Amino acid sequence: MGRPGGTHTPFEPIEVGRTHTWIYRGQIVPRNRRVEVDVTVTGIQDGPTPAITGDGFLSVDGIPIYEVRDFGVRLVL
């Protein structure tokens, strides 16, 4: 993630202190051909520590195998 002019904006890849649910239903193995990730943004928090919350899904060869609910990513300004 970057800012205009090419400077780097640090962020927490998973918002520290936020409870989320993660469900595993499979795994990625070398014979798999396609991995797809979908994220639905469920909230945007503005202010001194901006954050985005969402639900995410990962599919392998068209089969959903991971689901993450209510995770957050926070910018560290």
Foldseek 3Di string as FASTA:
>chain_A
DADPVGHDWDKDPWDPPWDKDKAFADDDDPVFDDKDKDWDWDDWDDDPKTKTWIKMWMDTPRHTGMIMHTTMMIIDD
